[in-house]
């Protein structure tokens, strides 16, 4: 997994400026038969962001991060892009009740914008950190918009400066085509289950970095980023 992630990030850094934006790609290659696969890829793009800390934030702490999520597009999708990717800015804090926290995230990049958030619970049992959350995102481009819903749960443990974690999540996305002539109004409601394994590294106080791999029945993806937690 480490070799795959390193290779992916290297290729992505080189190819990023040359990639077609999601607006023109959707407009130029759209087929209704590939819309469900396209929609599932969008769902996983969002869902990966659920695991950006691998655990929760303790009250009255605040976590602020910048992450990049990327999904290898499904074979059945009509897109010409090998990967969908999006950088997200995230913010999370805990409420002083029931170990519940709130999280916000958003992006505006490559013809794709979104804003969303959710509620997150966490608890430490012995040496295992447990977390679970519910999230909603509203997304938009010039040629489609939609809603993403997800539920995720993860378990992690702290080993010196490392926090490895595993997680499972469920994503549902409803996408509606717009500004596409006779295709306008076409809808797709799809869902997918994903599995994630990753590790957070805390090299110095308050700063962490992380990387993760996600697998689903239809696609796979990678995630990486930096965070400030205090």
C-alpha atoms as a PDB file:
ATOM      1  CA  UNK A   1       0.000   0.000   0.000  1.00  0.00           C
ATOM      2  CA  UNK A   2       2.837   2.429   0.848  1.00  0.00           C
ATOM      3  CA  UNK A   3       4.474   1.936  -2.557  1.00  0.00           C
ATOM      4  CA  UNK A   4       1.136   2.423  -4.330  1.00  0.00           C
ATOM      5  CA  UNK A   5       0.421   5.608  -2.407  1.00  0.00           C
ATOM      6  CA  UNK A   6       3.887   7.068  -3.045  1.00  0.00           C
ATOM      7  CA  UNK A   7       3.687   6.288  -6.766  1.00  0.00           C
ATOM      8  CA  UNK A   8       0.205   7.754  -6.981  1.00  0.00           C
ATOM      9  CA  UNK A   9       1.173  11.013  -5.265  1.00  0.00           C
ATOM     10  CA  UNK A  10       4.232  11.379  -7.505  1.00  0.00           C
ATOM     11  CA  UNK A  11       2.218  10.883 -10.697  1.00  0.00           C
ATOM     12  CA  UNK A  12      -0.532  13.159  -9.415  1.00  0.00           C
ATOM     13  CA  UNK A  13       1.894  15.985  -8.651  1.00  0.00           C
ATOM     14  CA  UNK A  14       3.249  15.798 -12.208  1.00  0.00           C
ATOM     15  CA  UNK A  15      -0.095  15.417 -13.954  1.00  0.00           C
ATOM     16  CA  UNK A  16      -2.220  17.808 -11.866  1.00  0.00           C
ATOM     17  CA  UNK A  17      -1.775  20.948 -14.008  1.00  0.00           C
ATOM     18  CA  UNK A  18      -2.570  19.098 -17.243  1.00  0.00           C
ATOM     19  CA  UNK A  19      -5.785  17.363 -16.185  1.00  0.00           C
ATOM     20  CA  UNK A  20      -9.062  18.353 -17.807  1.00  0.00           C
ATOM     21  CA  UNK A  21     -11.526  19.950 -15.429  1.00  0.00           C
ATOM     22  CA  UNK A  22     -14.613  18.048 -14.375  1.00  0.00           C
ATOM     23  CA  UNK A  23     -16.897  20.510 -16.162  1.00  0.00           C
ATOM     24  CA  UNK A  24     -15.544  20.017 -19.684  1.00  0.00           C
ATOM     25  CA  UNK A  25     -14.934  16.306 -19.153  1.00  0.00           C
ATOM     26  CA  UNK A  26     -18.564  15.727 -18.155  1.00  0.00           C
ATOM     27  CA  UNK A  27     -19.893  17.849 -21.040  1.00  0.00           C
ATOM     28  CA  UNK A  28     -17.695  16.257 -23.710  1.00  0.00           C
ATOM     29  CA  UNK A  29     -18.018  12.583 -22.720  1.00  0.00           C
ATOM     30  CA  UNK A  30     -21.444  12.256 -21.094  1.00  0.00           C
ATOM     31  CA  UNK A  31     -23.484   9.099 -21.705  1.00  0.00           C
ATOM     32  CA  UNK A  32     -26.516   8.180 -19.638  1.00  0.00           C
ATOM     33  CA  UNK A  33     -25.396   4.539 -19.425  1.00  0.00           C
ATOM     34  CA  UNK A  34     -22.241   5.527 -17.541  1.00  0.00           C
ATOM     35  CA  UNK A  35     -23.881   7.956 -15.137  1.00  0.00           C
ATOM     36  CA  UNK A  36     -24.337   5.504 -12.253  1.00  0.00           C
ATOM     37  CA  UNK A  37     -20.642   4.586 -12.262  1.00  0.00           C
ATOM     38  CA  UNK A  38     -19.697   8.270 -12.464  1.00  0.00           C
ATOM     39  CA  UNK A  39     -21.970   9.025  -9.520  1.00  0.00           C
ATOM     40  CA  UNK A  40     -20.474   6.239  -7.380  1.00  0.00           C
ATOM     41  CA  UNK A  41     -16.994   7.599  -8.055  1.00  0.00           C
ATOM     42  CA  UNK A  42     -18.132  11.034  -6.863  1.00  0.00           C
ATOM     43  CA  UNK A  43     -19.595   9.425  -3.726  1.00  0.00           C
ATOM     44  CA  UNK A  44     -16.301   7.731  -2.815  1.00  0.00           C
ATOM     45  CA  UNK A  45     -14.398  10.962  -3.524  1.00  0.00           C
ATOM     46  CA  UNK A  46     -16.377  12.546  -0.682  1.00  0.00           C
ATOM     47  CA  UNK A  47     -16.580   9.523   1.574  1.00  0.00           C
ATOM     48  CA  UNK A  48     -12.820   9.150   1.893  1.00  0.00           C
ATOM     49  CA  UNK A  49     -12.709  12.536   3.643  1.00  0.00           C
ATOM     50  CA  UNK A  50     -14.659  11.058   6.590  1.00  0.00           C
ATOM     51  CA  UNK A  51     -11.472   9.439   7.917  1.00  0.00           C
ATOM     52  CA  UNK A  52      -9.113  12.386   7.862  1.00  0.00           C
ATOM     53  CA  UNK A  53      -8.109  12.104  11.542  1.00  0.00           C
ATOM     54  CA  UNK A  54      -8.641   8.408  12.275  1.00  0.00           C
ATOM     55  CA  UNK A  55     -10.115   9.447  15.652  1.00  0.00           C
ATOM     56  CA  UNK A  56     -11.921  12.365  17.287  1.00  0.00           C
ATOM     57  CA  UNK A  57     -11.000  15.736  18.795  1.00  0.00           C
ATOM     58  CA  UNK A  58     -11.062  16.160  22.577  1.00  0.00           C
ATOM     59  CA  UNK A  59     -12.950  19.151  24.021  1.00  0.00           C
ATOM     60  CA  UNK A  60     -12.087  22.036  23.796  1.00  0.00           C
ATOM     61  CA  UNK A  61      -9.665  21.138  21.003  1.00  0.00           C
ATOM     62  CA  UNK A  62      -9.781  22.204  17.367  1.00  0.00           C
ATOM     63  CA  UNK A  63      -8.523  20.340  14.315  1.00  0.00           C
ATOM     64  CA  UNK A  64      -7.873  22.147  11.022  1.00  0.00           C
ATOM     65  CA  UNK A  65      -6.593  20.275   7.976  1.00  0.00           C
ATOM     66  CA  UNK A  66      -5.976  20.257   4.249  1.00  0.00           C
ATOM     67  CA  UNK A  67      -6.489  16.948   2.460  1.00  0.00           C
ATOM     68  CA  UNK A  68      -6.384  15.579  -1.059  1.00  0.00           C
ATOM     69  CA  UNK A  69      -8.722  12.730  -1.957  1.00  0.00           C
ATOM     70  CA  UNK A  70      -8.520  10.885  -5.263  1.00  0.00           C
ATOM     71  CA  UNK A  71     -10.520   8.049  -6.806  1.00  0.00           C
ATOM     72  CA  UNK A  72      -9.503   5.776  -9.683  1.00  0.00           C
ATOM     73  CA  UNK A  73     -12.521   6.123 -11.937  1.00  0.00           C
ATOM     74  CA  UNK A  74     -14.661   3.045 -12.592  1.00  0.00           C
ATOM     75  CA  UNK A  75     -14.383   1.115 -15.845  1.00  0.00           C
ATOM     76  CA  UNK A  76     -18.091   1.649 -16.545  1.00  0.00           C
ATOM     77  CA  UNK A  77     -17.911   5.429 -16.168  1.00  0.00           C
ATOM     78  CA  UNK A  78     -17.928   7.607 -19.304  1.00  0.00           C
ATOM     79  CA  UNK A  79     -15.245   9.975 -18.008  1.00  0.00           C
ATOM     80  CA  UNK A  80     -11.919  10.356 -19.824  1.00  0.00           C
ATOM     81  CA  UNK A  81     -10.152  11.104 -16.535  1.00  0.00           C
ATOM     82  CA  UNK A  82      -8.121   8.348 -14.880  1.00  0.00           C
ATOM     83  CA  UNK A  83      -8.695   9.885 -11.447  1.00  0.00           C
ATOM     84  CA  UNK A  84     -11.193  12.209  -9.849  1.00  0.00           C
ATOM     85  CA  UNK A  85      -9.459  14.306  -7.234  1.00  0.00           C
ATOM     86  CA  UNK A  86     -10.284  17.224  -4.962  1.00  0.00           C
ATOM     87  CA  UNK A  87      -8.504  19.107  -2.181  1.00  0.00           C
ATOM     88  CA  UNK A  88     -10.654  19.718   0.893  1.00  0.00           C
ATOM     89  CA  UNK A  89     -10.258  22.161   3.759  1.00  0.00           C
ATOM     90  CA  UNK A  90     -11.569  20.619   6.981  1.00  0.00           C
ATOM     91  CA  UNK A  91     -12.350  21.869  10.484  1.00  0.00           C
ATOM     92  CA  UNK A  92     -13.489  19.864  13.492  1.00  0.00           C
ATOM     93  CA  UNK A  93     -14.171  20.459  17.166  1.00  0.00           C
ATOM     94  CA  UNK A  94     -15.908  18.643  19.982  1.00  0.00           C
ATOM     95  CA  UNK A  95     -19.041  19.683  21.828  1.00  0.00           C
ATOM     96  CA  UNK A  96     -18.977  19.367  25.642  1.00  0.00           C
ATOM     97  CA  UNK A  97     -21.633  16.621  25.596  1.00  0.00           C
ATOM     98  CA  UNK A  98     -21.608  12.863  24.981  1.00  0.00           C
ATOM     99  CA  UNK A  99     -18.211  12.893  23.182  1.00  0.00           C
ATOM    100  CA  UNK A 100     -19.907  14.417  20.144  1.00  0.00           C
ATOM    101  CA  UNK A 101     -18.135  16.693  17.698  1.00  0.00           C
ATOM    102  CA  UNK A 102     -18.977  18.692  14.600  1.00  0.00           C
ATOM    103  CA  UNK A 103     -17.003  18.747  11.362  1.00  0.00           C
ATOM    104  CA  UNK A 104     -17.044  21.016   8.305  1.00  0.00           C
ATOM    105  CA  UNK A 105     -15.388  20.550   4.924  1.00  0.00           C
ATOM    106  CA  UNK A 106     -15.437  22.144   1.511  1.00  0.00           C
ATOM    107  CA  UNK A 107     -13.677  22.533  -1.808  1.00  0.00           C
ATOM    108  CA  UNK A 108     -13.706  24.676  -4.930  1.00  0.00           C
ATOM    109  CA  UNK A 109     -11.349  23.275  -7.527  1.00  0.00           C
ATOM    110  CA  UNK A 110     -11.170  21.958 -11.075  1.00  0.00           C
ATOM    111  CA  UNK A 111     -14.732  23.014 -11.906  1.00  0.00           C
ATOM    112  CA  UNK A 112     -16.115  21.296  -8.811  1.00  0.00           C
ATOM    113  CA  UNK A 113     -17.388  23.004  -5.647  1.00  0.00           C
ATOM    114  CA  UNK A 114     -18.914  21.615  -2.474  1.00  0.00           C
ATOM    115  CA  UNK A 115     -19.640  22.395   1.136  1.00  0.00           C
ATOM    116  CA  UNK A 116     -20.677  19.992   3.832  1.00  0.00           C
ATOM    117  CA  UNK A 117     -20.230  18.678   7.320  1.00  0.00           C
ATOM    118  CA  UNK A 118     -21.470  16.278   9.899  1.00  0.00           C
ATOM    119  CA  UNK A 119     -21.583  15.076  13.453  1.00  0.00           C
ATOM    120  CA  UNK A 120     -19.018  12.704  14.927  1.00  0.00           C
ATOM    121  CA  UNK A 121     -18.826  10.551  18.061  1.00  0.00           C
ATOM    122  CA  UNK A 122     -15.629   9.146  19.528  1.00  0.00           C
ATOM    123  CA  UNK A 123     -14.545   7.121  22.539  1.00  0.00           C
ATOM    124  CA  UNK A 124     -11.356   5.375  23.699  1.00  0.00           C
ATOM    125  CA  UNK A 125     -11.741   1.838  25.017  1.00  0.00           C
ATOM    126  CA  UNK A 126      -8.510   0.462  26.504  1.00  0.00           C
ATOM    127  CA  UNK A 127      -5.988   1.315  23.748  1.00  0.00           C
ATOM    128  CA  UNK A 128      -8.495   1.481  20.884  1.00  0.00           C
ATOM    129  CA  UNK A 129      -9.878   4.791  19.625  1.00  0.00           C
ATOM    130  CA  UNK A 130     -13.374   4.371  18.188  1.00  0.00           C
ATOM    131  CA  UNK A 131     -15.122   6.954  16.030  1.00  0.00           C
ATOM    132  CA  UNK A 132     -18.348   7.112  14.030  1.00  0.00           C
ATOM    133  CA  UNK A 133     -19.935   9.892  12.032  1.00  0.00           C
ATOM    134  CA  UNK A 134     -22.765  11.008   9.771  1.00  0.00           C
ATOM    135  CA  UNK A 135     -22.036  13.529   6.997  1.00  0.00           C
ATOM    136  CA  UNK A 136     -23.774  15.537   4.283  1.00  0.00           C
ATOM    137  CA  UNK A 137     -22.260  17.408   1.322  1.00  0.00           C
ATOM    138  CA  UNK A 138     -23.871  19.547  -1.377  1.00  0.00           C
ATOM    139  CA  UNK A 139     -21.866  19.642  -4.615  1.00  0.00           C
ATOM    140  CA  UNK A 140     -22.128  21.553  -7.872  1.00  0.00           C
ATOM    141  CA  UNK A 141     -20.562  22.008 -11.307  1.00  0.00           C
ATOM    142  CA  UNK A 142     -21.803  23.794 -14.437  1.00  0.00           C
ATOM    143  CA  UNK A 143     -23.356  20.558 -15.749  1.00  0.00           C
ATOM    144  CA  UNK A 144     -24.568  18.646 -12.697  1.00  0.00           C
ATOM    145  CA  UNK A 145     -25.229  19.032  -9.002  1.00  0.00           C
ATOM    146  CA  UNK A 146     -26.177  16.706  -6.217  1.00  0.00           C
ATOM    147  CA  UNK A 147     -26.167  15.588  -2.610  1.00  0.00           C
ATOM    148  CA  UNK A 148     -23.836  13.171  -0.853  1.00  0.00           C
ATOM    149  CA  UNK A 149     -24.672  11.335   2.379  1.00  0.00           C
ATOM    150  CA  UNK A 150     -22.312   9.081   4.287  1.00  0.00           C
ATOM    151  CA  UNK A 151     -21.962   7.059   7.468  1.00  0.00           C
ATOM    152  CA  UNK A 152     -18.517   5.962   8.615  1.00  0.00           C
ATOM    153  CA  UNK A 153     -16.897   4.154  11.525  1.00  0.00           C
ATOM    154  CA  UNK A 154     -13.212   3.698  12.324  1.00  0.00           C
ATOM    155  CA  UNK A 155     -10.867   2.179  14.890  1.00  0.00           C
ATOM    156  CA  UNK A 156      -7.306   3.296  15.597  1.00  0.00           C
ATOM    157  CA  UNK A 157      -4.544   2.934  18.156  1.00  0.00           C
ATOM    158  CA  UNK A 158      -1.609   5.142  19.150  1.00  0.00           C
ATOM    159  CA  UNK A 159       1.883   3.665  18.687  1.00  0.00           C
ATOM    160  CA  UNK A 160       4.524   6.268  19.578  1.00  0.00           C
ATOM    161  CA  UNK A 161       4.182   8.907  16.827  1.00  0.00           C
ATOM    162  CA  UNK A 162       1.984   6.669  14.634  1.00  0.00           C
ATOM    163  CA  UNK A 163      -1.784   6.180  14.662  1.00  0.00           C
ATOM    164  CA  UNK A 164      -2.776   3.395  12.247  1.00  0.00           C
ATOM    165  CA  UNK A 165      -6.492   3.084  11.574  1.00  0.00           C
ATOM    166  CA  UNK A 166      -9.044   1.058   9.663  1.00  0.00           C
ATOM    167  CA  UNK A 167     -12.560   2.059   8.720  1.00  0.00           C
ATOM    168  CA  UNK A 168     -15.729   1.175   6.882  1.00  0.00           C
ATOM    169  CA  UNK A 169     -18.198   3.586   5.319  1.00  0.00           C
ATOM    170  CA  UNK A 170     -21.388   3.812   3.324  1.00  0.00           C
ATOM    171  CA  UNK A 171     -21.956   6.515   0.700  1.00  0.00           C
ATOM    172  CA  UNK A 172     -25.139   7.536  -1.118  1.00  0.00           C
ATOM    173  CA  UNK A 173     -25.215  10.197  -3.817  1.00  0.00           C
ATOM    174  CA  UNK A 174     -28.028  11.608  -5.919  1.00  0.00           C
ATOM    175  CA  UNK A 175     -26.804  13.455  -8.999  1.00  0.00           C
ATOM    176  CA  UNK A 176     -28.880  15.559 -11.422  1.00  0.00           C
ATOM    177  CA  UNK A 177     -27.719  16.658 -14.885  1.00  0.00           C
ATOM    178  CA  UNK A 178     -28.264  20.304 -15.877  1.00  0.00           C
ATOM    179  CA  UNK A 179     -27.405  22.621 -18.794  1.00  0.00           C
ATOM    180  CA  UNK A 180     -27.006  19.621 -21.118  1.00  0.00           C
ATOM    181  CA  UNK A 181     -29.905  20.034 -23.553  1.00  0.00           C
ATOM    182  CA  UNK A 182     -32.127  16.972 -23.822  1.00  0.00           C
ATOM    183  CA  UNK A 183     -30.076  15.215 -21.138  1.00  0.00           C
ATOM    184  CA  UNK A 184     -30.916  17.899 -18.557  1.00  0.00           C
ATOM    185  CA  UNK A 185     -32.928  16.487 -15.700  1.00  0.00           C
ATOM    186  CA  UNK A 186     -31.383  13.012 -15.946  1.00  0.00           C
ATOM    187  CA  UNK A 187     -30.856  11.669 -12.430  1.00  0.00           C
ATOM    188  CA  UNK A 188     -28.870   8.931 -10.778  1.00  0.00           C
ATOM    189  CA  UNK A 189     -29.247   7.687  -7.186  1.00  0.00           C
ATOM    190  CA  UNK A 190     -26.480   5.284  -6.222  1.00  0.00           C
ATOM    191  CA  UNK A 191     -24.678   3.951  -3.182  1.00  0.00           C
ATOM    192  CA  UNK A 192     -21.444   2.151  -2.365  1.00  0.00           C
ATOM    193  CA  UNK A 193     -19.652   0.571   0.608  1.00  0.00           C
ATOM    194  CA  UNK A 194     -15.952   1.434   1.067  1.00  0.00           C
ATOM    195  CA  UNK A 195     -13.129   0.119   3.236  1.00  0.00           C
ATOM    196  CA  UNK A 196     -10.149   2.218   4.322  1.00  0.00           C
ATOM    197  CA  UNK A 197      -6.753   1.611   5.943  1.00  0.00           C
ATOM    198  CA  UNK A 198      -4.366   4.427   6.774  1.00  0.00           C
ATOM    199  CA  UNK A 199      -1.876   5.891   9.219  1.00  0.00           C
ATOM    200  CA  UNK A 200      -1.442   9.286  10.871  1.00  0.00           C
ATOM    201  CA  UNK A 201       2.057  10.429  11.811  1.00  0.00           C
ATOM    202  CA  UNK A 202       2.673  13.029  14.529  1.00  0.00           C
ATOM    203  CA  UNK A 203       6.304  14.163  14.054  1.00  0.00           C
ATOM    204  CA  UNK A 204       6.011  17.221  16.328  1.00  0.00           C
ATOM    205  CA  UNK A 205       3.356  18.461  18.781  1.00  0.00           C
ATOM    206  CA  UNK A 206       0.121  19.751  17.219  1.00  0.00           C
ATOM    207  CA  UNK A 207       1.120  18.761  13.658  1.00  0.00           C
ATOM    208  CA  UNK A 208       0.217  15.529  11.877  1.00  0.00           C
ATOM    209  CA  UNK A 209       0.308  14.096   8.365  1.00  0.00           C
ATOM    210  CA  UNK A 210      -1.453  11.058   7.013  1.00  0.00           C
ATOM    211  CA  UNK A 211      -2.059   8.776   4.088  1.00  0.00           C
ATOM    212  CA  UNK A 212      -4.705   6.138   3.383  1.00  0.00           C
ATOM    213  CA  UNK A 213      -5.970   3.673   0.797  1.00  0.00           C
ATOM    214  CA  UNK A 214      -9.669   3.042   0.107  1.00  0.00           C
ATOM    215  CA  UNK A 215     -11.255   0.091  -1.678  1.00  0.00           C
ATOM    216  CA  UNK A 216     -14.802  -0.435  -2.909  1.00  0.00           C
ATOM    217  CA  UNK A 217     -16.463  -2.948  -5.220  1.00  0.00           C
ATOM    218  CA  UNK A 218     -16.308  -0.479  -8.108  1.00  0.00           C
ATOM    219  CA  UNK A 219     -13.156   1.577  -7.602  1.00  0.00           C
ATOM    220  CA  UNK A 220     -10.311   2.423  -5.265  1.00  0.00           C
ATOM    221  CA  UNK A 221      -8.761   5.636  -4.031  1.00  0.00           C
ATOM    222  CA  UNK A 222      -6.073   7.388  -2.040  1.00  0.00           C
ATOM    223  CA  UNK A 223      -6.040  10.177   0.492  1.00  0.00           C
ATOM    224  CA  UNK A 224      -3.312  12.268   2.072  1.00  0.00           C
ATOM    225  CA  UNK A 225      -2.947  15.519   3.939  1.00  0.00           C
ATOM    226  CA  UNK A 226      -1.683  17.675   6.767  1.00  0.00           C
ATOM    227  CA  UNK A 227      -3.397  18.819   9.925  1.00  0.00           C
ATOM    228  CA  UNK A 228      -3.059  21.117  12.917  1.00  0.00           C
ATOM    229  CA  UNK A 229      -4.653  19.817  16.100  1.00  0.00           C
ATOM    230  CA  UNK A 230      -4.580  21.564  19.466  1.00  0.00           C
END
